Amino acid sequence: QFKDGSINWNFVDADTYHDCHKLFKDSETFYEAWHDIANKIEAEINPV
């Protein structure tokens, strides 16, 4: 997290890629799922 409490998505990406990328057939599939989940979480944090 940044000092203001907002999410540093680059660090979240690095952590989750390290832990989970081997579960997916390739990086493209990993990032499709990653972006879907990130969008879901962003919508929860900042509802429109």
All heavy atoms as atom14 arrays in JSON, in Angstrom:
{
  "sequence": "QFKDGSINWNFVDADTYHDCHKLFKDSETFYEAWHDIANKIEAEINPV",
  "atom14_mask": [
    [1, 1, 1, 1, 1, 1, 1, 1, 1, 0, 0, 0, 0, 0],
    [1, 1, 1, 1, 1, 1, 1, 1, 1, 1, 1, 0, 0, 0],
    [1, 1, 1, 1, 1, 1, 1, 1, 1, 0, 0, 0, 0, 0],
    [1, 1, 1, 1, 1, 1, 1, 1, 0, 0, 0, 0, 0, 0],
    [1, 1, 1, 1, 0, 0, 0, 0, 0, 0, 0, 0, 0, 0],
    [1, 1, 1, 1, 1, 1, 0, 0, 0, 0, 0, 0, 0, 0],
    [1, 1, 1, 1, 1, 1, 1, 1, 0, 0, 0, 0, 0, 0],
    [1, 1, 1, 1, 1, 1, 1, 1, 0, 0, 0, 0, 0, 0],
    [1, 1, 1, 1, 1, 1, 1, 1, 1, 1, 1, 1, 1, 1],
    [1, 1, 1, 1, 1, 1, 1, 1, 0, 0, 0, 0, 0, 0],
    [1, 1, 1, 1, 1, 1, 1, 1, 1, 1, 1, 0, 0, 0],
    [1, 1, 1, 1, 1, 1, 1, 0, 0, 0, 0, 0, 0, 0],
    [1, 1, 1, 1, 1, 1, 1, 1, 0, 0, 0, 0, 0, 0],
    [1, 1, 1, 1, 1, 0, 0, 0, 0, 0, 0, 0, 0, 0],
    [1, 1, 1, 1, 1, 1, 1, 1, 0, 0, 0, 0, 0, 0],
    [1, 1, 1, 1, 1, 1, 1, 0, 0, 0, 0, 0, 0, 0],
    [1, 1, 1, 1, 1, 1, 1, 1, 1, 1, 1, 1, 0, 0],
    [1, 1, 1, 1, 1, 1, 1, 1, 1, 1, 0, 0, 0, 0],
    [1, 1, 1, 1, 1, 1, 1, 1, 0, 0, 0, 0, 0, 0],
    [1, 1, 1, 1, 1, 1, 0, 0, 0, 0, 0, 0, 0, 0],
    [1, 1, 1, 1, 1, 1, 1, 1, 1, 1, 0, 0, 0, 0],
    [1, 1, 1, 1, 1, 1, 1, 1, 1, 0, 0, 0, 0, 0],
    [1, 1, 1, 1, 1, 1, 1, 1, 0, 0, 0, 0, 0, 0],
    [1, 1, 1, 1, 1, 1, 1, 1, 1, 1, 1, 0, 0, 0],
    [1, 1, 1, 1, 1, 1, 1, 1, 1, 0, 0, 0, 0, 0],
    [1, 1, 1, 1, 1, 1, 1, 1, 0, 0, 0, 0, 0, 0],
    [1, 1, 1, 1, 1, 1, 0, 0, 0, 0, 0, 0, 0, 0],
    [1, 1, 1, 1, 1, 1, 1, 1, 1, 0, 0, 0, 0, 0],
    [1, 1, 1, 1, 1, 1, 1, 0, 0, 0, 0, 0, 0, 0],
    [1, 1, 1, 1, 1, 1, 1, 1, 1, 1, 1, 0, 0, 0],
    [1, 1, 1, 1, 1, 1, 1, 1, 1, 1, 1, 1, 0, 0],
    [1, 1, 1, 1, 1, 1, 1, 1, 1, 0, 0, 0, 0, 0],
    [1, 1, 1, 1, 1, 0, 0, 0, 0, 0, 0, 0, 0, 0],
    [1, 1, 1, 1, 1, 1, 1, 1, 1, 1, 1, 1, 1, 1],
    [1, 1, 1, 1, 1, 1, 1, 1, 1, 1, 0, 0, 0, 0],
    [1, 1, 1, 1, 1, 1, 1, 1, 0, 0, 0, 0, 0, 0],
    [1, 1, 1, 1, 1, 1, 1, 1, 0, 0, 0, 0, 0, 0],
    [1, 1, 1, 1, 1, 0, 0, 0, 0, 0, 0, 0, 0, 0],
    [1, 1, 1, 1, 1, 1, 1, 1, 0, 0, 0, 0, 0, 0],
    [1, 1, 1, 1, 1, 1, 1, 1, 1, 0, 0, 0, 0, 0],
    [1, 1, 1, 1, 1, 1, 1, 1, 0, 0, 0, 0, 0, 0],
    [1, 1, 1, 1, 1, 1, 1, 1, 1, 0, 0, 0, 0, 0],
    [1, 1, 1, 1, 1, 0, 0, 0, 0, 0, 0, 0, 0, 0],
    [1, 1, 1, 1, 1, 1, 1, 1, 1, 0, 0, 0, 0, 0],
    [1, 1, 1, 1, 1, 1, 1, 1, 0, 0, 0, 0, 0, 0],
    [1, 1, 1, 1, 1, 1, 1, 1, 0, 0, 0, 0, 0, 0],
    [1, 1, 1, 1, 1, 1, 1, 0, 0, 0, 0, 0, 0, 0],
    [1, 1, 1, 1, 1, 1, 1, 0, 0, 0, 0, 0, 0, 0]
  ],
  "atom14_positions": [
    [[0.85, -1.19, 0.0], [0.0, 0.0, 0.0], [0.89, 1.24, 0.0], [1.98, 1.25, 0.56], [-0.9, 0.01, 1.23], [-1.85, -1.16, 1.3], [-2.58, -1.25, 2.62], [-2.48, -0.37, 3.47], [-3.35, -2.3, 2.78], [0.0, 0.0, 0.0], [0.0, 0.0, 0.0], [0.0, 0.0, 0.0], [0.0, 0.0, 0.0], [0.0, 0.0, 0.0]],
    [[0.36, 2.27, -0.66], [1.05, 3.57, -0.62], [0.8, 4.22, 0.73], [-0.03, 3.77, 1.52], [0.54, 4.46, -1.75], [0.91, 3.97, -3.13], [-0.05, 3.46, -3.98], [2.23, 4.02, -3.58], [0.27, 3.0, -5.25], [2.57, 3.57, -4.84], [1.59, 3.05, -5.68], [0.0, 0.0, 0.0], [0.0, 0.0, 0.0], [0.0, 0.0, 0.0]],
    [[1.51, 5.3, 1.0], [1.37, 5.99, 2.29], [-0.05, 6.45, 2.56], [-0.47, 6.52, 3.7], [2.33, 7.17, 2.36], [3.77, 6.76, 2.47], [4.69, 7.95, 2.57], [6.13, 7.47, 2.64], [7.08, 8.57, 2.73], [0.0, 0.0, 0.0], [0.0, 0.0, 0.0], [0.0, 0.0, 0.0], [0.0, 0.0, 0.0], [0.0, 0.0, 0.0]],
    [[-0.79, 6.77, 1.5], [-2.17, 7.23, 1.68], [-3.16, 6.07, 1.85], [-4.36, 6.27, 1.98], [-2.61, 8.12, 0.52], [-2.7, 7.38, -0.81], [-2.41, 6.16, -0.87], [-3.06, 8.04, -1.81], [0.0, 0.0, 0.0], [0.0, 0.0, 0.0], [0.0, 0.0, 0.0], [0.0, 0.0, 0.0], [0.0, 0.0, 0.0], [0.0, 0.0, 0.0]],
    [[-2.66, 4.83, 1.85], [-3.5, 3.66, 2.05], [-4.04, 3.05, 0.77], [-4.66, 1.99, 0.8], [0.0, 0.0, 0.0], [0.0, 0.0, 0.0], [0.0, 0.0, 0.0], [0.0, 0.0, 0.0], [0.0, 0.0, 0.0], [0.0, 0.0, 0.0], [0.0, 0.0, 0.0], [0.0, 0.0, 0.0], [0.0, 0.0, 0.0], [0.0, 0.0, 0.0]],
    [[-3.79, 3.69, -0.36], [-4.24, 3.12, -1.63], [-3.36, 1.93, -2.01], [-2.25, 1.76, -1.5], [-4.24, 4.18, -2.73], [-2.93, 4.66, -2.97], [0.0, 0.0, 0.0], [0.0, 0.0, 0.0], [0.0, 0.0, 0.0], [0.0, 0.0, 0.0], [0.0, 0.0, 0.0], [0.0, 0.0, 0.0], [0.0, 0.0, 0.0], [0.0, 0.0, 0.0]],
    [[-3.86, 1.12, -2.9], [-3.21, -0.14, -3.26], [-2.11, 0.09, -4.29], [-2.32, 0.76, -5.3], [-4.24, -1.13, -3.84], [-5.34, -1.4, -2.82], [-3.57, -2.42, -4.27], [-6.55, -2.1, -3.41], [0.0, 0.0, 0.0], [0.0, 0.0, 0.0], [0.0, 0.0, 0.0], [0.0, 0.0, 0.0], [0.0, 0.0, 0.0], [0.0, 0.0, 0.0]],
    [[-0.96, -0.48, -4.03], [0.11, -0.49, -5.02], [-0.06, -1.78, -5.83], [0.42, -2.85, -5.44], [1.48, -0.44, -4.34], [2.61, -0.35, -5.34], [2.48, -0.75, -6.5], [3.74, 0.17, -4.9], [0.0, 0.0, 0.0], [0.0, 0.0, 0.0], [0.0, 0.0, 0.0], [0.0, 0.0, 0.0], [0.0, 0.0, 0.0], [0.0, 0.0, 0.0]],
    [[-0.8, -1.68, -6.93], [-1.14, -2.87, -7.72], [0.09, -3.55, -8.3], [0.08, -4.77, -8.52], [-2.13, -2.49, -8.82], [-3.5, -2.24, -8.28], [-4.12, -1.03, -8.12], [-4.43, -3.22, -7.81], [-5.37, -1.21, -7.58], [-5.6, -2.55, -7.38], [-4.4, -4.61, -7.7], [-6.71, -3.21, -6.87], [-5.51, -5.27, -7.19], [-6.64, -4.57, -6.78]],
    [[1.18, -2.81, -8.52], [2.4, -3.45, -9.02], [2.95, -4.45, -8.01], [3.42, -5.53, -8.38], [3.46, -2.4, -9.37], [3.08, -1.59, -10.58], [2.42, -2.08, -11.5], [3.48, -0.34, -10.59], [0.0, 0.0, 0.0], [0.0, 0.0, 0.0], [0.0, 0.0, 0.0], [0.0, 0.0, 0.0], [0.0, 0.0, 0.0], [0.0, 0.0, 0.0]],
    [[2.91, -4.09, -6.74], [3.4, -4.99, -5.7], [2.45, -6.18, -5.51], [2.9, -7.31, -5.3], [3.57, -4.25, -4.37], [4.78, -3.34, -4.32], [5.5, -3.02, -5.44], [5.19, -2.81, -3.11], [6.62, -2.18, -5.38], [6.29, -1.98, -3.03], [7.01, -1.66, -4.17], [0.0, 0.0, 0.0], [0.0, 0.0, 0.0], [0.0, 0.0, 0.0]],
    [[1.15, -5.92, -5.58], [0.17, -7.0, -5.49], [0.39, -7.98, -6.65], [0.38, -9.2, -6.48], [-1.27, -6.45, -5.5], [-2.3, -7.57, -5.59], [-1.52, -5.61, -4.25], [0.0, 0.0, 0.0], [0.0, 0.0, 0.0], [0.0, 0.0, 0.0], [0.0, 0.0, 0.0], [0.0, 0.0, 0.0], [0.0, 0.0, 0.0], [0.0, 0.0, 0.0]],
    [[0.62, -7.43, -7.83], [0.9, -8.25, -9.01], [2.12, -9.13, -8.77], [2.09, -10.34, -9.0], [1.13, -7.33, -10.21], [1.54, -8.06, -11.48], [1.45, -9.3, -11.54], [1.96, -7.39, -12.43], [0.0, 0.0, 0.0], [0.0, 0.0, 0.0], [0.0, 0.0, 0.0], [0.0, 0.0, 0.0], [0.0, 0.0, 0.0], [0.0, 0.0, 0.0]],
    [[3.19, -8.53, -8.29], [4.43, -9.29, -8.06], [4.21, -10.43, -7.06], [4.65, -11.56, -7.29], [5.53, -8.36, -7.57], [0.0, 0.0, 0.0], [0.0, 0.0, 0.0], [0.0, 0.0, 0.0], [0.0, 0.0, 0.0], [0.0, 0.0, 0.0], [0.0, 0.0, 0.0], [0.0, 0.0, 0.0], [0.0, 0.0, 0.0], [0.0, 0.0, 0.0]],
    [[3.54, -10.12, -5.95], [3.29, -11.14, -4.93], [2.43, -12.28, -5.46], [2.74, -13.45, -5.26], [2.62, -10.53, -3.7], [3.56, -9.69, -2.86], [4.77, -9.63, -3.16], [3.07, -9.07, -1.88], [0.0, 0.0, 0.0], [0.0, 0.0, 0.0], [0.0, 0.0, 0.0], [0.0, 0.0, 0.0], [0.0, 0.0, 0.0], [0.0, 0.0, 0.0]],
    [[1.35, -11.92, -6.13], [0.43, -12.97, -6.58], [1.0, -13.76, -7.76], [0.77, -14.96, -7.86], [-0.95, -12.4, -6.94], [-0.81, -11.35, -7.9], [-1.65, -11.87, -5.7], [0.0, 0.0, 0.0], [0.0, 0.0, 0.0], [0.0, 0.0, 0.0], [0.0, 0.0, 0.0], [0.0, 0.0, 0.0], [0.0, 0.0, 0.0], [0.0, 0.0, 0.0]],
    [[1.75, -13.09, -8.62], [2.37, -13.83, -9.73], [3.35, -14.86, -9.18], [3.35, -16.02, -9.62], [3.08, -12.88, -10.7], [3.57, -13.58, -11.95], [2.7, -13.79, -13.01], [4.87, -14.04, -12.06], [3.11, -14.45, -14.15], [5.3, -14.7, -13.19], [4.42, -14.91, -14.23], [4.84, -15.57, -15.36], [0.0, 0.0, 0.0], [0.0, 0.0, 0.0]],
    [[4.14, -14.44, -8.23], [5.11, -15.35, -7.62], [4.42, -16.57, -7.0], [4.89, -17.7, -7.14], [5.92, -14.6, -6.56], [6.92, -15.46, -5.87], [6.66, -16.1, -4.69], [8.19, -15.8, -6.21], [7.72, -16.8, -4.32], [8.66, -16.63, -5.22], [0.0, 0.0, 0.0], [0.0, 0.0, 0.0], [0.0, 0.0, 0.0], [0.0, 0.0, 0.0]],
    [[3.3, -16.33, -6.33], [2.61, -17.4, -5.62], [1.73, -18.27, -6.5], [1.52, -19.44, -6.19], [1.74, -16.82, -4.49], [2.56, -16.2, -3.38], [3.77, -16.51, -3.27], [1.99, -15.39, -2.62], [0.0, 0.0, 0.0], [0.0, 0.0, 0.0], [0.0, 0.0, 0.0], [0.0, 0.0, 0.0], [0.0, 0.0, 0.0], [0.0, 0.0, 0.0]],
    [[1.18, -17.72, -7.59], [0.11, -18.42, -8.3], [0.35, -18.69, -9.79], [-0.44, -19.43, -10.39], [-1.19, -17.62, -8.18], [-1.78, -17.44, -6.51], [0.0, 0.0, 0.0], [0.0, 0.0, 0.0], [0.0, 0.0, 0.0], [0.0, 0.0, 0.0], [0.0, 0.0, 0.0], [0.0, 0.0, 0.0], [0.0, 0.0, 0.0], [0.0, 0.0, 0.0]],
    [[1.37, -18.11, -10.4], [1.46, -18.23, -11.86], [1.58, -19.67, -12.35], [1.13, -20.0, -13.44], [2.6, -17.37, -12.41], [3.96, -17.97, -12.26], [4.67, -17.93, -11.08], [4.72, -18.64, -13.15], [5.82, -18.55, -11.27], [5.88, -18.98, -12.5], [0.0, 0.0, 0.0], [0.0, 0.0, 0.0], [0.0, 0.0, 0.0], [0.0, 0.0, 0.0]],
    [[2.13, -20.55, -11.56], [2.3, -21.94, -11.98], [0.97, -22.7, -12.04], [0.9, -23.77, -12.63], [3.27, -22.66, -11.06], [4.68, -22.15, -11.2], [5.63, -22.89, -10.29], [7.03, -22.31, -10.46], [7.99, -22.95, -9.58], [0.0, 0.0, 0.0], [0.0, 0.0, 0.0], [0.0, 0.0, 0.0], [0.0, 0.0, 0.0], [0.0, 0.0, 0.0]],
    [[-0.08, -22.14, -11.44], [-1.39, -22.77, -11.48], [-2.07, -22.58, -12.84], [-3.03, -23.29, -13.15], [-2.29, -22.21, -10.38], [-1.8, -22.34, -8.94], [-2.72, -21.6, -7.99], [-1.7, -23.81, -8.56], [0.0, 0.0, 0.0], [0.0, 0.0, 0.0], [0.0, 0.0, 0.0], [0.0, 0.0, 0.0], [0.0, 0.0, 0.0], [0.0, 0.0, 0.0]],
    [[-1.58, -21.63, -13.63], [-2.19, -21.3, -14.91], [-1.34, -21.84, -16.06], [-0.14, -22.02, -15.91], [-2.34, -19.78, -15.03], [-3.33, -19.21, -14.06], [-2.97, -18.92, -12.76], [-4.64, -18.99, -14.43], [-3.88, -18.41, -11.85], [-5.57, -18.49, -13.54], [-5.19, -18.2, -12.25], [0.0, 0.0, 0.0], [0.0, 0.0, 0.0], [0.0, 0.0, 0.0]],
    [[-1.98, -22.06, -17.2], [-1.25, -22.65, -18.33], [-0.22, -21.71, -18.93], [0.79, -22.15, -19.47], [-2.21, -23.15, -19.42], [-2.96, -22.08, -20.16], [-3.84, -22.68, -21.24], [-4.53, -21.57, -22.02], [-5.29, -22.09, -23.13], [0.0, 0.0, 0.0], [0.0, 0.0, 0.0], [0.0, 0.0, 0.0], [0.0, 0.0, 0.0], [0.0, 0.0, 0.0]],
    [[-0.46, -20.38, -18.81], [0.5, -19.4, -19.29], [0.24, -18.06, -18.63], [-0.75, -17.88, -17.92], [0.46, -19.28, -20.82], [-0.92, -18.97, -21.37], [-1.71, -18.29, -20.69], [-1.21, -19.41, -22.51], [0.0, 0.0, 0.0], [0.0, 0.0, 0.0], [0.0, 0.0, 0.0], [0.0, 0.0, 0.0], [0.0, 0.0, 0.0], [0.0, 0.0, 0.0]],
    [[1.12, -17.11, -18.89], [0.99, -15.78, -18.28], [-0.25, -15.05, -18.77], [-0.88, -14.31, -18.01], [2.23, -14.93, -18.59], [3.34, -15.44, -17.91], [0.0, 0.0, 0.0], [0.0, 0.0, 0.0], [0.0, 0.0, 0.0], [0.0, 0.0, 0.0], [0.0, 0.0, 0.0], [0.0, 0.0, 0.0], [0.0, 0.0, 0.0], [0.0, 0.0, 0.0]],
    [[-0.62, -15.24, -20.01], [-1.81, -14.58, -20.55], [-3.06, -15.0, -19.79], [-3.88, -14.16, -19.4], [-1.97, -14.9, -22.03], [-3.14, -14.19, -22.68], [-3.26, -14.49, -24.16], [-2.28, -14.95, -24.78], [-4.36, -14.26, -24.69], [0.0, 0.0, 0.0], [0.0, 0.0, 0.0], [0.0, 0.0, 0.0], [0.0, 0.0, 0.0], [0.0, 0.0, 0.0]],
    [[-3.2, -16.29, -19.53], [-4.35, -16.79, -18.78], [-4.32, -16.28, -17.35], [-5.36, -15.9, -16.79], [-4.36, -18.33, -18.8], [-4.29, -18.77, -20.15], [-5.61, -18.88, -18.16], [0.0, 0.0, 0.0], [0.0, 0.0, 0.0], [0.0, 0.0, 0.0], [0.0, 0.0, 0.0], [0.0, 0.0, 0.0], [0.0, 0.0, 0.0], [0.0, 0.0, 0.0]],
    [[-3.14, -16.24, -16.76], [-3.0, -15.71, -15.4], [-3.49, -14.26, -15.35], [-4.29, -13.9, -14.49], [-1.54, -15.78, -14.94], [-1.28, -15.03, -13.66], [-1.54, -15.62, -12.43], [-0.79, -13.73, -13.68], [-1.32, -14.92, -11.25], [-0.56, -13.03, -12.51], [-0.83, -13.63, -11.28], [0.0, 0.0, 0.0], [0.0, 0.0, 0.0], [0.0, 0.0, 0.0]],
    [[-3.01, -13.44, -16.28], [-3.36, -12.02, -16.24], [-4.81, -11.74, -16.63], [-5.39, -10.75, -16.17], [-2.38, -11.18, -17.06], [-1.12, -10.94, -16.28], [0.08, -11.53, -16.65], [-1.14, -10.16, -15.13], [1.23, -11.33, -15.91], [0.01, -9.96, -14.37], [1.19, -10.54, -14.77], [2.31, -10.34, -14.02], [0.0, 0.0, 0.0], [0.0, 0.0, 0.0]],
    [[-5.43, -12.59, -17.41], [-6.86, -12.44, -17.67], [-7.64, -12.59, -16.36], [-8.5, -11.77, -16.04], [-7.35, -13.47, -18.68], [-6.93, -13.18, -20.11], [-7.31, -14.3, -21.06], [-8.01, -15.26, -20.66], [-6.9, -14.21, -22.23], [0.0, 0.0, 0.0], [0.0, 0.0, 0.0], [0.0, 0.0, 0.0], [0.0, 0.0, 0.0], [0.0, 0.0, 0.0]],
    [[-7.31, -13.63, -15.61], [-7.97, -13.86, -14.32], [-7.6, -12.76, -13.34], [-8.46, -12.25, -12.6], [-7.57, -15.23, -13.77], [0.0, 0.0, 0.0], [0.0, 0.0, 0.0], [0.0, 0.0, 0.0], [0.0, 0.0, 0.0], [0.0, 0.0, 0.0], [0.0, 0.0, 0.0], [0.0, 0.0, 0.0], [0.0, 0.0, 0.0], [0.0, 0.0, 0.0]],
    [[-6.33, -12.37, -13.32], [-5.86, -11.34, -12.38], [-6.6, -10.04, -12.59], [-7.07, -9.42, -11.64], [-4.35, -11.15, -12.56], [-3.7, -10.37, -11.46], [-3.13, -10.86, -10.34], [-3.58, -8.94, -11.37], [-2.65, -9.83, -9.56], [-2.91, -8.64, -10.18], [-3.96, -7.89, -12.2], [-2.62, -7.35, -9.78], [-3.68, -6.6, -11.79], [-3.01, -6.34, -10.6]],
    [[-6.74, -9.62, -13.84], [-7.43, -8.35, -14.13], [-8.92, -8.43, -13.8], [-9.49, -7.45, -13.31], [-7.2, -7.93, -15.58], [-5.82, -7.42, -15.83], [-5.38, -6.21, -15.36], [-4.77, -7.96, -16.49], [-4.11, -6.03, -15.71], [-3.72, -7.08, -16.41], [0.0, 0.0, 0.0], [0.0, 0.0, 0.0], [0.0, 0.0, 0.0], [0.0, 0.0, 0.0]],
    [[-9.54, -9.57, -14.07], [-10.95, -9.74, -13.7], [-11.15, -9.56, -12.19], [-12.06, -8.86, -11.75], [-11.46, -11.12, -14.11], [-11.68, -11.26, -15.6], [-11.73, -10.23, -16.31], [-11.78, -12.41, -16.06], [0.0, 0.0, 0.0], [0.0, 0.0, 0.0], [0.0, 0.0, 0.0], [0.0, 0.0, 0.0], [0.0, 0.0, 0.0], [0.0, 0.0, 0.0]],
    [[-10.28, -10.19, -11.43], [-10.38, -10.1, -9.97], [-10.04, -8.69, -9.48], [-10.72, -8.15, -8.61], [-9.47, -11.16, -9.3], [-9.97, -12.56, -9.65], [-9.42, -10.95, -7.78], [-8.98, -13.67, -9.34], [0.0, 0.0, 0.0], [0.0, 0.0, 0.0], [0.0, 0.0, 0.0], [0.0, 0.0, 0.0], [0.0, 0.0, 0.0], [0.0, 0.0, 0.0]],
    [[-9.02, -8.08, -10.06], [-8.64, -6.72, -9.67], [-9.79, -5.75, -9.93], [-10.08, -4.89, -9.09], [-7.39, -6.28, -10.42], [0.0, 0.0, 0.0], [0.0, 0.0, 0.0], [0.0, 0.0, 0.0], [0.0, 0.0, 0.0], [0.0, 0.0, 0.0], [0.0, 0.0, 0.0], [0.0, 0.0, 0.0], [0.0, 0.0, 0.0], [0.0, 0.0, 0.0]],
    [[-10.46, -5.89, -11.05], [-11.62, -5.03, -11.36], [-12.74, -5.25, -10.35], [-13.4, -4.29, -9.92], [-12.11, -5.28, -12.78], [-11.15, -4.75, -13.82], [-10.38, -3.83, -13.57], [-11.19, -5.34, -15.01], [0.0, 0.0, 0.0], [0.0, 0.0, 0.0], [0.0, 0.0, 0.0], [0.0, 0.0, 0.0], [0.0, 0.0, 0.0], [0.0, 0.0, 0.0]],
    [[-12.97, -6.5, -9.98], [-13.99, -6.82, -8.99], [-13.66, -6.17, -7.64], [-14.52, -5.56, -7.0], [-14.09, -8.34, -8.84], [-15.01, -8.82, -7.75], [-14.95, -10.33, -7.63], [-15.65, -10.82, -6.38], [-15.53, -12.27, -6.22], [0.0, 0.0, 0.0], [0.0, 0.0, 0.0], [0.0, 0.0, 0.0], [0.0, 0.0, 0.0], [0.0, 0.0, 0.0]],
    [[-12.41, -6.28, -7.23], [-11.99, -5.7, -5.95], [-12.07, -4.19, -6.0], [-12.53, -3.55, -5.05], [-10.57, -6.19, -5.59], [-10.6, -7.7, -5.28], [-10.0, -5.41, -4.41], [-9.24, -8.35, -5.15], [0.0, 0.0, 0.0], [0.0, 0.0, 0.0], [0.0, 0.0, 0.0], [0.0, 0.0, 0.0], [0.0, 0.0, 0.0], [0.0, 0.0, 0.0]],
    [[-11.64, -3.58, -7.09], [-11.74, -2.13, -7.25], [-13.18, -1.66, -7.14], [-13.47, -0.64, -6.51], [-11.16, -1.68, -8.59], [-9.67, -1.49, -8.59], [-9.24, -0.23, -7.86], [-9.97, 0.79, -7.86], [-8.16, -0.26, -7.27], [0.0, 0.0, 0.0], [0.0, 0.0, 0.0], [0.0, 0.0, 0.0], [0.0, 0.0, 0.0], [0.0, 0.0, 0.0]],
    [[-14.1, -2.42, -7.75], [-15.52, -2.06, -7.69], [-16.05, -2.16, -6.26], [-16.9, -1.36, -5.85], [-16.34, -2.96, -8.61], [0.0, 0.0, 0.0], [0.0, 0.0, 0.0], [0.0, 0.0, 0.0], [0.0, 0.0, 0.0], [0.0, 0.0, 0.0], [0.0, 0.0, 0.0], [0.0, 0.0, 0.0], [0.0, 0.0, 0.0], [0.0, 0.0, 0.0]],
    [[-15.54, -3.1, -5.48], [-15.94, -3.22, -4.08], [-15.41, -2.05, -3.26], [-16.1, -1.53, -2.38], [-15.41, -4.52, -3.48], [-16.07, -5.76, -4.02], [-15.38, -7.03, -3.53], [-14.45, -6.95, -2.7], [-15.77, -8.11, -4.01], [0.0, 0.0, 0.0], [0.0, 0.0, 0.0], [0.0, 0.0, 0.0], [0.0, 0.0, 0.0], [0.0, 0.0, 0.0]],
    [[-14.19, -1.65, -3.55], [-13.55, -0.58, -2.79], [-14.15, 0.78, -3.17], [-14.37, 1.63, -2.31], [-12.02, -0.57, -3.05], [-11.41, -1.85, -2.46], [-11.37, 0.66, -2.46], [-9.96, -2.07, -2.86], [0.0, 0.0, 0.0], [0.0, 0.0, 0.0], [0.0, 0.0, 0.0], [0.0, 0.0, 0.0], [0.0, 0.0, 0.0], [0.0, 0.0, 0.0]],
    [[-14.39, 0.97, -4.45], [-14.89, 2.25, -4.97], [-16.18, 2.01, -5.74], [-16.19, 2.08, -6.97], [-13.86, 2.9, -5.89], [-12.55, 3.15, -5.2], [-12.52, 3.71, -4.12], [-11.47, 2.73, -5.81], [0.0, 0.0, 0.0], [0.0, 0.0, 0.0], [0.0, 0.0, 0.0], [0.0, 0.0, 0.0], [0.0, 0.0, 0.0], [0.0, 0.0, 0.0]],
    [[-17.27, 1.74, -5.04], [-18.52, 1.44, -5.75], [-19.02, 2.66, -6.52], [-18.88, 3.8, -6.09], [-19.5, 1.07, -4.63], [-18.92, 1.68, -3.41], [-17.44, 1.74, -3.6], [0.0, 0.0, 0.0], [0.0, 0.0, 0.0], [0.0, 0.0, 0.0], [0.0, 0.0, 0.0], [0.0, 0.0, 0.0], [0.0, 0.0, 0.0], [0.0, 0.0, 0.0]],
    [[-19.58, 2.37, -7.68], [-20.16, 3.41, -8.51], [-21.67, 3.36, -8.33], [-22.29, 2.32, -8.51], [-19.81, 3.2, -10.0], [-20.49, 4.24, -10.86], [-18.31, 3.21, -10.2], [0.0, 0.0, 0.0], [0.0, 0.0, 0.0], [0.0, 0.0, 0.0], [0.0, 0.0, 0.0], [0.0, 0.0, 0.0], [0.0, 0.0, 0.0], [0.0, 0.0, 0.0]]
  ]
}
